[in-house]
PDB file of all heavy atoms in Angstrom:
ATOM      1  N   GLN A   1      95.546  98.906  89.490  1.00  0.00           N
ATOM      2  CA  GLN A   1      94.690  99.224  88.347  1.00  0.00           C
ATOM      3  C   GLN A   1      93.242  98.770  88.577  1.00  0.00           C
ATOM      4  O   GLN A   1      92.314  99.382  88.058  1.00  0.00           O
ATOM      5  CB  GLN A   1      95.235  98.589  87.066  1.00  0.00           C
ATOM      6  CG  GLN A   1      96.531  99.187  86.609  1.00  0.00           C
ATOM      7  CD  GLN A   1      97.162  98.382  85.470  1.00  0.00           C
ATOM      8  OE1 GLN A   1      96.604  97.418  84.994  1.00  0.00           O
ATOM      9  NE2 GLN A   1      98.357  98.818  85.045  1.00  0.00           N
ATOM     10  N   GLN A   2      93.059  97.702  89.342  1.00  0.00           N
ATOM     11  CA  GLN A   2      91.734  97.117  89.522  1.00  0.00           C
ATOM     12  C   GLN A   2      90.956  97.742  90.678  1.00  0.00           C
ATOM     13  O   GLN A   2      89.751  97.560  90.788  1.00  0.00           O
ATOM     14  CB  GLN A   2      91.846  95.594  89.770  1.00  0.00           C
ATOM     15  CG  GLN A   2      92.563  94.838  88.683  1.00  0.00           C
ATOM     16  CD  GLN A   2      91.925  95.010  87.332  1.00  0.00           C
ATOM     17  OE1 GLN A   2      90.725  94.882  87.161  1.00  0.00           O
ATOM     18  NE2 GLN A   2      92.729  95.354  86.333  1.00  0.00           N
ATOM     19  N   ILE A   3      91.643  98.440  91.535  1.00  0.00           N
ATOM     20  CA  ILE A   3      91.057  98.954  92.761  1.00  0.00           C
ATOM     21  C   ILE A   3      91.149 100.494  92.739  1.00  0.00           C
ATOM     22  O   ILE A   3      92.162 101.040  92.416  1.00  0.00           O
ATOM     23  CB  ILE A   3      91.783  98.390  93.994  1.00  0.00           C
ATOM     24  CG1 ILE A   3      91.633  96.838  94.001  1.00  0.00           C
ATOM     25  CG2 ILE A   3      91.229  98.977  95.288  1.00  0.00           C
ATOM     26  CD1 ILE A   3      92.520  96.156  94.977  1.00  0.00           C
ATOM     27  N   GLY A   4      90.046 101.139  93.084  1.00  0.00           N
ATOM     28  CA  GLY A   4      89.998 102.582  92.957  1.00  0.00           C
ATOM     29  C   GLY A   4      90.485 103.376  94.153  1.00  0.00           C
ATOM     30  O   GLY A   4      90.131 104.550  94.298  1.00  0.00           O
ATOM     31  N   VAL A   5      91.257 102.757  95.000  1.00  0.00           N
ATOM     32  CA  VAL A   5      91.828 103.448  96.181  1.00  0.00           C
ATOM     33  C   VAL A   5      93.307 103.071  96.266  1.00  0.00           C
ATOM     34  O   VAL A   5      93.748 102.149  95.613  1.00  0.00           O
ATOM     35  CB  VAL A   5      91.090 103.043  97.504  1.00  0.00           C
ATOM     36  CG1 VAL A   5      89.618 103.388  97.436  1.00  0.00           C
ATOM     37  CG2 VAL A   5      91.284 101.585  97.830  1.00  0.00           C
ATOM     38  N   PRO A   6      94.078 103.771  97.112  1.00  0.00           N
ATOM     39  CA  PRO A   6      95.501 103.430  97.246  1.00  0.00           C
ATOM     40  C   PRO A   6      95.694 101.981  97.737  1.00  0.00           C
ATOM     41  O   PRO A   6      95.013 101.528  98.660  1.00  0.00           O
ATOM     42  CB  PRO A   6      95.984 104.408  98.287  1.00  0.00           C
ATOM     43  CG  PRO A   6      95.043 105.578  98.187  1.00  0.00           C
ATOM     44  CD  PRO A   6      93.713 104.969  97.870  1.00  0.00           C
ATOM     45  N   VAL A   7      96.628 101.303  97.097  1.00  0.00           N
ATOM     46  CA  VAL A   7      96.970  99.934  97.430  1.00  0.00           C
ATOM     47  C   VAL A   7      98.462  99.877  97.712  1.00  0.00           C
ATOM     48  O   VAL A   7      99.273 100.391  96.936  1.00  0.00           O
ATOM     49  CB  VAL A   7      96.636  98.960  96.255  1.00  0.00           C
ATOM     50  CG1 VAL A   7      97.038  97.539  96.615  1.00  0.00           C
ATOM     51  CG2 VAL A   7      95.162  99.034  95.908  1.00  0.00           C
ATOM     52  N   HIS A   8      98.828  99.255  98.820  1.00  0.00           N
ATOM     53  CA  HIS A   8     100.233  99.179  99.252  1.00  0.00           C
ATOM     54  C   HIS A   8     100.613  97.743  99.499  1.00  0.00           C
ATOM     55  O   HIS A   8      99.834  96.928  99.987  1.00  0.00           O
ATOM     56  CB  HIS A   8     100.427  99.976 100.553  1.00  0.00           C
ATOM     57  CG  HIS A   8      99.963 101.386 100.438  1.00  0.00           C
ATOM     58  ND1 HIS A   8     100.750 102.364  99.889  1.00  0.00           N
ATOM     59  CD2 HIS A   8      98.793 101.973 100.821  1.00  0.00           C
ATOM     60  CE1 HIS A   8     100.093 103.506  99.927  1.00  0.00           C
ATOM     61  NE2 HIS A   8      98.913 103.303 100.463  1.00  0.00           N
ATOM     62  N   LEU A   9     101.850  97.442  99.161  1.00  0.00           N
ATOM     63  CA  LEU A   9     102.444  96.123  99.432  1.00  0.00           C
ATOM     64  C   LEU A   9     103.701  96.337 100.245  1.00  0.00           C
ATOM     65  O   LEU A   9     104.664  96.971  99.758  1.00  0.00           O
ATOM     66  CB  LEU A   9     102.770  95.398  98.131  1.00  0.00           C
ATOM     67  CG  LEU A   9     103.459  94.054  98.261  1.00  0.00           C
ATOM     68  CD1 LEU A   9     102.606  93.041  99.022  1.00  0.00           C
ATOM     69  CD2 LEU A   9     103.800  93.498  96.875  1.00  0.00           C
ATOM     70  N   PHE A  10     103.697  95.867 101.456  1.00  0.00           N
ATOM     71  CA  PHE A  10     104.878  95.952 102.324  1.00  0.00           C
ATOM     72  C   PHE A  10     105.535  94.573 102.310  1.00  0.00           C
ATOM     73  O   PHE A  10     104.928  93.606 102.747  1.00  0.00           O
ATOM     74  CB  PHE A  10     104.468  96.346 103.739  1.00  0.00           C
ATOM     75  CG  PHE A  10     105.640  96.477 104.665  1.00  0.00           C
ATOM     76  CD1 PHE A  10     106.507  97.556 104.597  1.00  0.00           C
ATOM     77  CD2 PHE A  10     105.871  95.504 105.653  1.00  0.00           C
ATOM     78  CE1 PHE A  10     107.569  97.670 105.448  1.00  0.00           C
ATOM     79  CE2 PHE A  10     106.955  95.628 106.511  1.00  0.00           C
ATOM     80  CZ  PHE A  10     107.814  96.710 106.402  1.00  0.00           C
ATOM     81  N   ARG A  11     106.737  94.507 101.810  1.00  0.00           N
ATOM     82  CA  ARG A  11     107.460  93.228 101.733  1.00  0.00           C
ATOM     83  C   ARG A  11     108.308  93.033 102.975  1.00  0.00           C
ATOM     84  O   ARG A  11     109.530  93.139 102.936  1.00  0.00           O
ATOM     85  CB  ARG A  11     108.331  93.188 100.481  1.00  0.00           C
ATOM     86  CG  ARG A  11     107.551  93.160  99.195  1.00  0.00           C
ATOM     87  CD  ARG A  11     107.293  91.743  98.784  1.00  0.00           C
ATOM     88  NE  ARG A  11     106.726  91.704  97.432  1.00  0.00           N
ATOM     89  CZ  ARG A  11     106.044  90.676  97.018  1.00  0.00           C
ATOM     90  NH1 ARG A  11     105.821  89.654  97.786  1.00  0.00           N
ATOM     91  NH2 ARG A  11     105.539  90.676  95.795  1.00  0.00           N
ATOM     92  N   GLY A  12     107.642  92.785 104.112  1.00  0.00           N
ATOM     93  CA  GLY A  12     108.347  92.570 105.334  1.00  0.00           C
ATOM     94  C   GLY A  12     108.568  91.093 105.607  1.00  0.00           C
ATOM     95  O   GLY A  12     108.179  90.237 104.827  1.00  0.00           O
ATOM     96  N   ASN A  13     109.174  90.822 106.748  1.00  0.00           N
ATOM     97  CA  ASN A  13     109.276  89.422 107.149  1.00  0.00           C
ATOM     98  C   ASN A  13     107.960  89.014 107.813  1.00  0.00           C
ATOM     99  O   ASN A  13     107.030  89.819 107.919  1.00  0.00           O
ATOM    100  CB  ASN A  13     110.484  89.222 108.091  1.00  0.00           C
ATOM    101  CG  ASN A  13     110.376  90.050 109.371  1.00  0.00           C
ATOM    102  OD1 ASN A  13     109.323  90.216 109.951  1.00  0.00           O
ATOM    103  ND2 ASN A  13     111.510  90.608 109.812  1.00  0.00           N
ATOM    104  N   GLU A  14     107.870  87.809 108.290  1.00  0.00           N
ATOM    105  CA  GLU A  14     106.601  87.299 108.828  1.00  0.00           C
ATOM    106  C   GLU A  14     106.127  88.111 110.019  1.00  0.00           C
ATOM    107  O   GLU A  14     104.936  88.417 110.141  1.00  0.00           O
ATOM    108  CB  GLU A  14     106.718  85.819 109.192  1.00  0.00           C
ATOM    109  CG  GLU A  14     106.904  84.890 107.994  1.00  0.00           C
ATOM    110  CD  GLU A  14     108.349  84.717 107.549  1.00  0.00           C
ATOM    111  OE1 GLU A  14     109.248  85.397 108.113  1.00  0.00           O
ATOM    112  OE2 GLU A  14     108.579  83.901 106.663  1.00  0.00           O
ATOM    113  N   ALA A  15     107.021  88.454 110.910  1.00  0.00           N
ATOM    114  CA  ALA A  15     106.644  89.237 112.102  1.00  0.00           C
ATOM    115  C   ALA A  15     106.141  90.611 111.719  1.00  0.00           C
ATOM    116  O   ALA A  15     105.141  91.106 112.244  1.00  0.00           O
ATOM    117  CB  ALA A  15     107.802  89.324 113.088  1.00  0.00           C
ATOM    118  N   GLU A  16     106.838  91.257 110.762  1.00  0.00           N
ATOM    119  CA  GLU A  16     106.407  92.579 110.324  1.00  0.00           C
ATOM    120  C   GLU A  16     105.048  92.515 109.615  1.00  0.00           C
ATOM    121  O   GLU A  16     104.196  93.388 109.814  1.00  0.00           O
ATOM    122  CB  GLU A  16     107.476  93.166 109.382  1.00  0.00           C
ATOM    123  CG  GLU A  16     108.745  93.513 110.118  1.00  0.00           C
ATOM    124  CD  GLU A  16     109.943  93.766 109.196  1.00  0.00           C
ATOM    125  OE1 GLU A  16     109.873  93.398 107.997  1.00  0.00           O
ATOM    126  OE2 GLU A  16     110.929  94.338 109.677  1.00  0.00           O
ATOM    127  N   ASP A  17     104.849  91.488 108.792  1.00  0.00           N
ATOM    128  CA  ASP A  17     103.546  91.328 108.137  1.00  0.00           C
ATOM    129  C   ASP A  17     102.437  91.140 109.163  1.00  0.00           C
ATOM    130  O   ASP A  17     101.342  91.701 109.040  1.00  0.00           O
ATOM    131  CB  ASP A  17     103.555  90.141 107.176  1.00  0.00           C
ATOM    132  CG  ASP A  17     104.277  90.434 105.862  1.00  0.00           C
ATOM    133  OD1 ASP A  17     104.606  91.617 105.611  1.00  0.00           O
ATOM    134  OD2 ASP A  17     104.480  89.482 105.092  1.00  0.00           O
ATOM    135  N   LEU A  18     102.704  90.327 110.171  1.00  0.00           N
ATOM    136  CA  LEU A  18     101.714  90.091 111.227  1.00  0.00           C
ATOM    137  C   LEU A  18     101.369  91.403 111.947  1.00  0.00           C
ATOM    138  O   LEU A  18     100.199  91.725 112.169  1.00  0.00           O
ATOM    139  CB  LEU A  18     102.221  89.054 112.230  1.00  0.00           C
ATOM    140  CG  LEU A  18     101.231  88.576 113.267  1.00  0.00           C
ATOM    141  CD1 LEU A  18     100.066  87.838 112.621  1.00  0.00           C
ATOM    142  CD2 LEU A  18     101.929  87.670 114.273  1.00  0.00           C
ATOM    143  N   TYR A  19     102.386  92.167 112.280  1.00  0.00           N
ATOM    144  CA  TYR A  19     102.172  93.453 112.951  1.00  0.00           C
ATOM    145  C   TYR A  19     101.402  94.401 112.018  1.00  0.00           C
ATOM    146  O   TYR A  19     100.456  95.077 112.469  1.00  0.00           O
ATOM    147  CB  TYR A  19     103.490  94.086 113.369  1.00  0.00           C
ATOM    148  CG  TYR A  19     103.349  95.466 113.952  1.00  0.00           C
ATOM    149  CD1 TYR A  19     102.706  95.643 115.184  1.00  0.00           C
ATOM    150  CD2 TYR A  19     103.816  96.587 113.279  1.00  0.00           C
ATOM    151  CE1 TYR A  19     102.551  96.916 115.714  1.00  0.00           C
ATOM    152  CE2 TYR A  19     103.660  97.845 113.800  1.00  0.00           C
ATOM    153  CZ  TYR A  19     103.021  98.003 115.030  1.00  0.00           C
ATOM    154  OH  TYR A  19     102.866  99.272 115.559  1.00  0.00           O
ATOM    155  N   MET A  20     101.762  94.457 110.723  1.00  0.00           N
ATOM    156  CA  MET A  20     101.061  95.340 109.801  1.00  0.00           C
ATOM    157  C   MET A  20      99.573  94.991 109.745  1.00  0.00           C
ATOM    158  O   MET A  20      98.715  95.872 109.856  1.00  0.00           O
ATOM    159  CB  MET A  20     101.649  95.252 108.406  1.00  0.00           C
ATOM    160  CG  MET A  20     100.964  96.230 107.453  1.00  0.00           C
ATOM    161  SD  MET A  20     101.310  95.904 105.695  1.00  0.00           S
ATOM    162  CE  MET A  20     100.349  94.426 105.433  1.00  0.00           C
ATOM    163  N   LEU A  21      99.243  93.720 109.614  1.00  0.00           N
ATOM    164  CA  LEU A  21      97.845  93.325 109.595  1.00  0.00           C
ATOM    165  C   LEU A  21      97.143  93.718 110.901  1.00  0.00           C
ATOM    166  O   LEU A  21      95.997  94.177 110.874  1.00  0.00           O
ATOM    167  CB  LEU A  21      97.689  91.818 109.383  1.00  0.00           C
ATOM    168  CG  LEU A  21      97.862  91.304 107.963  1.00  0.00           C
ATOM    169  CD1 LEU A  21      97.707  89.767 107.955  1.00  0.00           C
ATOM    170  CD2 LEU A  21      96.849  91.918 107.007  1.00  0.00           C
ATOM    171  N   SER A  22      97.818  93.550 112.003  1.00  0.00           N
ATOM    172  CA  SER A  22      97.194  93.844 113.301  1.00  0.00           C
ATOM    173  C   SER A  22      96.911  95.326 113.475  1.00  0.00           C
ATOM    174  O   SER A  22      96.044  95.702 114.266  1.00  0.00           O
ATOM    175  CB  SER A  22      98.086  93.355 114.468  1.00  0.00           C
ATOM    176  OG  SER A  22      99.183  94.245 114.667  1.00  0.00           O
ATOM    177  N   GLN A  23      97.588  96.164 112.710  1.00  0.00           N
ATOM    178  CA  GLN A  23      97.381  97.599 112.816  1.00  0.00           C
ATOM    179  C   GLN A  23      96.316  98.134 111.831  1.00  0.00           C
ATOM    180  O   GLN A  23      96.055  99.323 111.792  1.00  0.00           O
ATOM    181  CB  GLN A  23      98.720  98.338 112.586  1.00  0.00           C
ATOM    182  CG  GLN A  23      99.762  98.008 113.634  1.00  0.00           C
ATOM    183  CD  GLN A  23      99.246  98.279 115.036  1.00  0.00           C
ATOM    184  OE1 GLN A  23      98.940  99.384 115.401  1.00  0.00           O
ATOM    185  NE2 GLN A  23      99.128  97.217 115.843  1.00  0.00           N
ATOM    186  N   CYS A  24      95.731  97.241 111.081  1.00  0.00           N
ATOM    187  CA  CYS A  24      94.662  97.630 110.154  1.00  0.00           C
ATOM    188  C   CYS A  24      93.326  97.678 110.906  1.00  0.00           C
ATOM    189  O   CYS A  24      93.222  97.162 112.030  1.00  0.00           O
ATOM    190  CB  CYS A  24      94.600  96.686 108.981  1.00  0.00           C
ATOM    191  SG  CYS A  24      96.039  96.839 107.874  1.00  0.00           S
ATOM    192  N   ASP A  25      92.322  98.292 110.294  1.00  0.00           N
ATOM    193  CA  ASP A  25      91.006  98.398 110.908  1.00  0.00           C
ATOM    194  C   ASP A  25      90.112  97.197 110.564  1.00  0.00           C
ATOM    195  O   ASP A  25      89.155  96.907 111.294  1.00  0.00           O
ATOM    196  CB  ASP A  25      90.313  99.680 110.434  1.00  0.00           C
ATOM    197  CG  ASP A  25      91.154 100.896 110.816  1.00  0.00           C
ATOM    198  OD1 ASP A  25      91.402 101.084 112.015  1.00  0.00           O
ATOM    199  OD2 ASP A  25      91.533 101.659 109.913  1.00  0.00           O
ATOM    200  N   TYR A  26      90.397  96.541 109.464  1.00  0.00           N
ATOM    201  CA  TYR A  26      89.723  95.328 109.029  1.00  0.00           C
ATOM    202  C   TYR A  26      90.780  94.449 108.392  1.00  0.00           C
ATOM    203  O   TYR A  26      91.750  94.934 107.831  1.00  0.00           O
ATOM    204  CB  TYR A  26      88.647  95.609 107.965  1.00  0.00           C
ATOM    205  CG  TYR A  26      87.427  96.332 108.441  1.00  0.00           C
ATOM    206  CD1 TYR A  26      87.423  97.735 108.553  1.00  0.00           C
ATOM    207  CD2 TYR A  26      86.259  95.647 108.787  1.00  0.00           C
ATOM    208  CE1 TYR A  26      86.288  98.390 108.969  1.00  0.00           C
ATOM    209  CE2 TYR A  26      85.123  96.310 109.212  1.00  0.00           C
ATOM    210  CZ  TYR A  26      85.139  97.688 109.289  1.00  0.00           C
ATOM    211  OH  TYR A  26      84.024  98.366 109.715  1.00  0.00           O
ATOM    212  N   ILE A  27      90.524  93.124 108.429  1.00  0.00           N
ATOM    213  CA  ILE A  27      91.411  92.156 107.790  1.00  0.00           C
ATOM    214  C   ILE A  27      90.542  91.217 106.967  1.00  0.00           C
ATOM    215  O   ILE A  27      89.477  90.802 107.422  1.00  0.00           O
ATOM    216  CB  ILE A  27      92.212  91.336 108.822  1.00  0.00           C
ATOM    217  CG1 ILE A  27      93.092  92.232 109.706  1.00  0.00           C
ATOM    218  CG2 ILE A  27      93.039  90.243 108.126  1.00  0.00           C
ATOM    219  CD1 ILE A  27      93.730  91.515 110.886  1.00  0.00           C
ATOM    220  N   MET A  28      91.016  90.894 105.777  1.00  0.00           N
ATOM    221  CA  MET A  28      90.344  89.853 104.974  1.00  0.00           C
ATOM    222  C   MET A  28      91.406  88.996 104.301  1.00  0.00           C
ATOM    223  O   MET A  28      92.519  89.468 104.077  1.00  0.00           O
ATOM    224  CB  MET A  28      89.390  90.426 103.945  1.00  0.00           C
ATOM    225  CG  MET A  28      90.017  90.987 102.708  1.00  0.00           C
ATOM    226  SD  MET A  28      88.890  91.240 101.308  1.00  0.00           S
ATOM    227  CE  MET A  28      87.670  92.306 101.971  1.00  0.00           C
ATOM    228  N   GLY A  29      91.030  87.775 104.063  1.00  0.00           N
ATOM    229  CA  GLY A  29      91.936  86.858 103.362  1.00  0.00           C
ATOM    230  C   GLY A  29      91.459  85.440 103.474  1.00  0.00           C
ATOM    231  O   GLY A  29      90.427  85.149 104.096  1.00  0.00           O
ATOM    232  N   ALA A  30      92.225  84.535 102.877  1.00  0.00           N
ATOM    233  CA  ALA A  30      91.938  83.114 102.973  1.00  0.00           C
ATOM    234  C   ALA A  30      91.982  82.680 104.423  1.00  0.00           C
ATOM    235  O   ALA A  30      92.654  83.303 105.267  1.00  0.00           O
ATOM    236  CB  ALA A  30      92.948  82.322 102.160  1.00  0.00           C
ATOM    237  N   LYS A  31      91.255  81.646 104.729  1.00  0.00           N
ATOM    238  CA  LYS A  31      91.213  81.126 106.102  1.00  0.00           C
ATOM    239  C   LYS A  31      92.631  80.775 106.539  1.00  0.00           C
ATOM    240  O   LYS A  31      93.323  79.982 105.897  1.00  0.00           O
ATOM    241  CB  LYS A  31      90.339  79.898 106.163  1.00  0.00           C
ATOM    242  CG  LYS A  31      90.046  79.426 107.556  1.00  0.00           C
ATOM    243  CD  LYS A  31      89.016  78.295 107.524  1.00  0.00           C
ATOM    244  CE  LYS A  31      88.684  77.889 108.925  1.00  0.00           C
ATOM    245  NZ  LYS A  31      87.663  76.823 108.942  1.00  0.00           N
ATOM    246  N   SER A  32      93.058  81.416 107.651  1.00  0.00           N
ATOM    247  CA  SER A  32      94.446  81.278 108.084  1.00  0.00           C
ATOM    248  C   SER A  32      94.577  81.642 109.543  1.00  0.00           C
ATOM    249  O   SER A  32      94.005  82.633 109.995  1.00  0.00           O
ATOM    250  CB  SER A  32      95.306  82.220 107.216  1.00  0.00           C
ATOM    251  OG  SER A  32      96.523  82.469 107.831  1.00  0.00           O
ATOM    252  N   THR A  33      95.349  80.876 110.281  1.00  0.00           N
ATOM    253  CA  THR A  33      95.631  81.247 111.675  1.00  0.00           C
ATOM    254  C   THR A  33      96.503  82.481 111.731  1.00  0.00           C
ATOM    255  O   THR A  33      96.435  83.232 112.708  1.00  0.00           O
ATOM    256  CB  THR A  33      96.305  80.072 112.436  1.00  0.00           C
ATOM    257  OG1 THR A  33      97.459  79.632 111.712  1.00  0.00           O
ATOM    258  CG2 THR A  33      95.342  78.920 112.634  1.00  0.00           C
ATOM    259  N   PHE A  34      97.295  82.737 110.696  1.00  0.00           N
ATOM    260  CA  PHE A  34      98.160  83.914 110.660  1.00  0.00           C
ATOM    261  C   PHE A  34      97.316  85.171 110.758  1.00  0.00           C
ATOM    262  O   PHE A  34      97.545  86.040 111.620  1.00  0.00           O
ATOM    263  CB  PHE A  34      98.972  83.905 109.357  1.00  0.00           C
ATOM    264  CG  PHE A  34     100.002  84.985 109.273  1.00  0.00           C
ATOM    265  CD1 PHE A  34     101.251  84.842 109.857  1.00  0.00           C
ATOM    266  CD2 PHE A  34      99.737  86.176 108.594  1.00  0.00           C
ATOM    267  CE1 PHE A  34     102.236  85.827 109.767  1.00  0.00           C
ATOM    268  CE2 PHE A  34     100.690  87.174 108.508  1.00  0.00           C
ATOM    269  CZ  PHE A  34     101.941  87.019 109.092  1.00  0.00           C
ATOM    270  N   SER A  35      96.312  85.318 109.884  1.00  0.00           N
ATOM    271  CA  SER A  35      95.472  86.522 109.940  1.00  0.00           C
ATOM    272  C   SER A  35      94.598  86.525 111.180  1.00  0.00           C
ATOM    273  O   SER A  35      94.269  87.600 111.718  1.00  0.00           O
ATOM    274  CB  SER A  35      94.620  86.646 108.675  1.00  0.00           C
ATOM    275  OG  SER A  35      93.851  85.497 108.455  1.00  0.00           O
ATOM    276  N   LEU A  36      94.241  85.345 111.670  1.00  0.00           N
ATOM    277  CA  LEU A  36      93.442  85.271 112.896  1.00  0.00           C
ATOM    278  C   LEU A  36      94.241  85.807 114.078  1.00  0.00           C
ATOM    279  O   LEU A  36      93.713  86.549 114.918  1.00  0.00           O
ATOM    280  CB  LEU A  36      93.002  83.818 113.161  1.00  0.00           C
ATOM    281  CG  LEU A  36      92.079  83.631 114.362  1.00  0.00           C
ATOM    282  CD1 LEU A  36      90.771  84.386 114.194  1.00  0.00           C
ATOM    283  CD2 LEU A  36      91.793  82.123 114.553  1.00  0.00           C
ATOM    284  N   VAL A  37      95.510  85.466 114.168  1.00  0.00           N
ATOM    285  CA  VAL A  37      96.343  86.004 115.252  1.00  0.00           C
ATOM    286  C   VAL A  37      96.500  87.500 115.108  1.00  0.00           C
ATOM    287  O   VAL A  37      96.453  88.230 116.100  1.00  0.00           O
ATOM    288  CB  VAL A  37      97.733  85.280 115.257  1.00  0.00           C
ATOM    289  CG1 VAL A  37      98.693  85.981 116.197  1.00  0.00           C
ATOM    290  CG2 VAL A  37      97.547  83.837 115.661  1.00  0.00           C
ATOM    291  N   ALA A  38      96.633  88.012 113.885  1.00  0.00           N
ATOM    292  CA  ALA A  38      96.710  89.466 113.680  1.00  0.00           C
ATOM    293  C   ALA A  38      95.444  90.133 114.230  1.00  0.00           C
ATOM    294  O   ALA A  38      95.508  91.181 114.893  1.00  0.00           O
ATOM    295  CB  ALA A  38      96.885  89.793 112.208  1.00  0.00           C
ATOM    296  N   SER A  39      94.298  89.527 114.014  1.00  0.00           N
ATOM    297  CA  SER A  39      93.048  90.049 114.519  1.00  0.00           C
ATOM    298  C   SER A  39      93.032  90.090 116.051  1.00  0.00           C
ATOM    299  O   SER A  39      92.483  91.002 116.642  1.00  0.00           O
ATOM    300  CB  SER A  39      91.906  89.183 113.996  1.00  0.00           C
ATOM    301  OG  SER A  39      90.685  89.491 114.641  1.00  0.00           O
ATOM    302  N   PHE A  40      93.644  89.093 116.661  1.00  0.00           N
ATOM    303  CA  PHE A  40      93.684  88.971 118.124  1.00  0.00           C
ATOM    304  C   PHE A  40      94.317  90.157 118.785  1.00  0.00           C
ATOM    305  O   PHE A  40      93.848  90.637 119.830  1.00  0.00           O
ATOM    306  CB  PHE A  40      94.429  87.684 118.483  1.00  0.00           C
ATOM    307  CG  PHE A  40      94.810  87.569 119.943  1.00  0.00           C
ATOM    308  CD1 PHE A  40      93.863  87.303 120.904  1.00  0.00           C
ATOM    309  CD2 PHE A  40      96.124  87.715 120.325  1.00  0.00           C
ATOM    310  CE1 PHE A  40      94.215  87.215 122.225  1.00  0.00           C
ATOM    311  CE2 PHE A  40      96.497  87.608 121.656  1.00  0.00           C
ATOM    312  CZ  PHE A  40      95.537  87.346 122.607  1.00  0.00           C
TER     313      PHE A  40
END
């Protein structure tokens, strides 16, 4: 409701979430080694 574009939530396990983030074109979030590894 707050965002004017499609929003998706994939409830995967940790490995699937890491892979999902790594397949995005940009990543944002709280400071975290998890998202940093996805960027890698």
